[in-house]
Amino acid sequence: MKKGEEKKFTTVSIPTPLFQKIQDRIKGTGFTSVSSYVAYVLREVITEEPDEEQPFSKEDEERIKDRLRALGYLD
């Protein structure tokens, strides 16, 4: 970042229960806020290189869907 440039941020909404779970998870860690933890996790996810052409197997896809259901994103 060049001198004089400011950091730009946006707002992303997440369900309150998820926010609270993240707050509990980061207690006692080096993360100072839910936002910093979420930014870290997203950076890790988007920088992963897929091992194969198809990023998820059917089994992975089902596990992801189950997790999204548990978090309340899918019915």
Protein backbone atom coordinates (compact mmCIF):
# COMPACT_ATOMS: atom_id res chain seq x y z
CA MET A 1 0.00 0.00 0.00
CA LYS A 2 1.36 3.38 -0.96
CA LYS A 3 1.81 6.19 1.51
CA GLY A 4 -1.37 8.21 1.86
CA GLU A 5 -3.64 5.37 0.70
CA GLU A 6 -6.20 4.22 3.20
CA LYS A 7 -7.43 0.68 3.71
CA LYS A 8 -10.88 0.10 2.33
CA PHE A 9 -13.32 -2.25 3.97
CA THR A 10 -16.82 -3.49 3.31
CA THR A 11 -19.45 -5.01 5.54
CA VAL A 12 -20.52 -8.64 5.31
CA SER A 13 -23.48 -9.86 7.33
CA ILE A 14 -23.44 -13.23 9.04
CA PRO A 15 -26.05 -14.81 11.31
CA THR A 16 -25.76 -13.76 14.96
CA PRO A 17 -25.33 -17.36 16.21
CA LEU A 18 -22.38 -17.82 13.85
CA PHE A 19 -20.88 -14.51 15.02
CA GLN A 20 -21.19 -15.67 18.62
CA LYS A 21 -19.56 -19.03 17.83
CA ILE A 22 -16.65 -17.23 16.21
CA GLN A 23 -16.32 -14.94 19.23
CA ASP A 24 -16.09 -18.01 21.46
CA ARG A 25 -13.57 -19.68 19.13
CA ILE A 26 -11.16 -16.71 19.05
CA LYS A 27 -11.03 -16.19 22.82
CA GLY A 28 -7.45 -16.56 23.96
CA THR A 29 -6.05 -16.39 20.43
CA GLY A 30 -4.19 -13.60 18.66
CA PHE A 31 -7.32 -12.52 16.82
CA THR A 32 -8.59 -9.19 18.07
CA SER A 33 -11.99 -9.31 16.40
CA VAL A 34 -14.44 -11.53 14.57
CA SER A 35 -13.70 -9.52 11.42
CA SER A 36 -9.97 -10.25 11.58
CA TYR A 37 -10.63 -13.98 12.05
CA VAL A 38 -13.15 -14.14 9.20
CA ALA A 39 -10.76 -12.27 6.89
CA TYR A 40 -7.99 -14.74 7.81
CA VAL A 41 -10.21 -17.77 7.13
CA LEU A 42 -11.40 -16.37 3.80
CA ARG A 43 -7.83 -15.64 2.70
CA GLU A 44 -6.89 -19.23 3.53
CA VAL A 45 -9.85 -20.61 1.59
CA ILE A 46 -9.38 -18.54 -1.55
CA THR A 47 -5.64 -19.13 -1.76
CA GLU A 48 -5.88 -22.92 -1.61
CA GLU A 49 -4.89 -24.57 -4.86
CA PRO A 50 -7.17 -27.39 -5.97
CA ASP A 51 -5.42 -30.76 -6.24
CA GLU A 52 -7.50 -31.79 -9.21
CA GLU A 53 -9.74 -30.26 -11.85
CA GLN A 54 -12.91 -30.94 -9.88
CA PRO A 55 -12.51 -29.00 -6.61
CA PHE A 56 -14.90 -31.19 -4.57
CA SER A 57 -15.77 -34.84 -4.67
CA LYS A 58 -19.43 -35.83 -4.24
CA GLU A 59 -18.57 -36.83 -0.67
CA ASP A 60 -17.00 -33.41 0.01
CA GLU A 61 -20.01 -31.69 -1.50
CA GLU A 62 -22.39 -33.62 0.79
CA ARG A 63 -20.27 -32.80 3.86
CA ILE A 64 -20.32 -29.12 2.91
CA LYS A 65 -24.08 -29.18 2.38
CA ASP A 66 -24.56 -30.89 5.77
CA ARG A 67 -22.42 -28.25 7.45
CA LEU A 68 -24.31 -25.41 5.72
CA ARG A 69 -27.59 -26.97 6.89
CA ALA A 70 -26.26 -27.14 10.45
CA LEU A 71 -25.31 -23.46 10.25
CA GLY A 72 -28.79 -22.56 8.98
CA TYR A 73 -27.83 -21.60 5.41
CA LEU A 74 -29.69 -24.48 3.75
CA ASP A 75 -33.03 -26.09 4.58
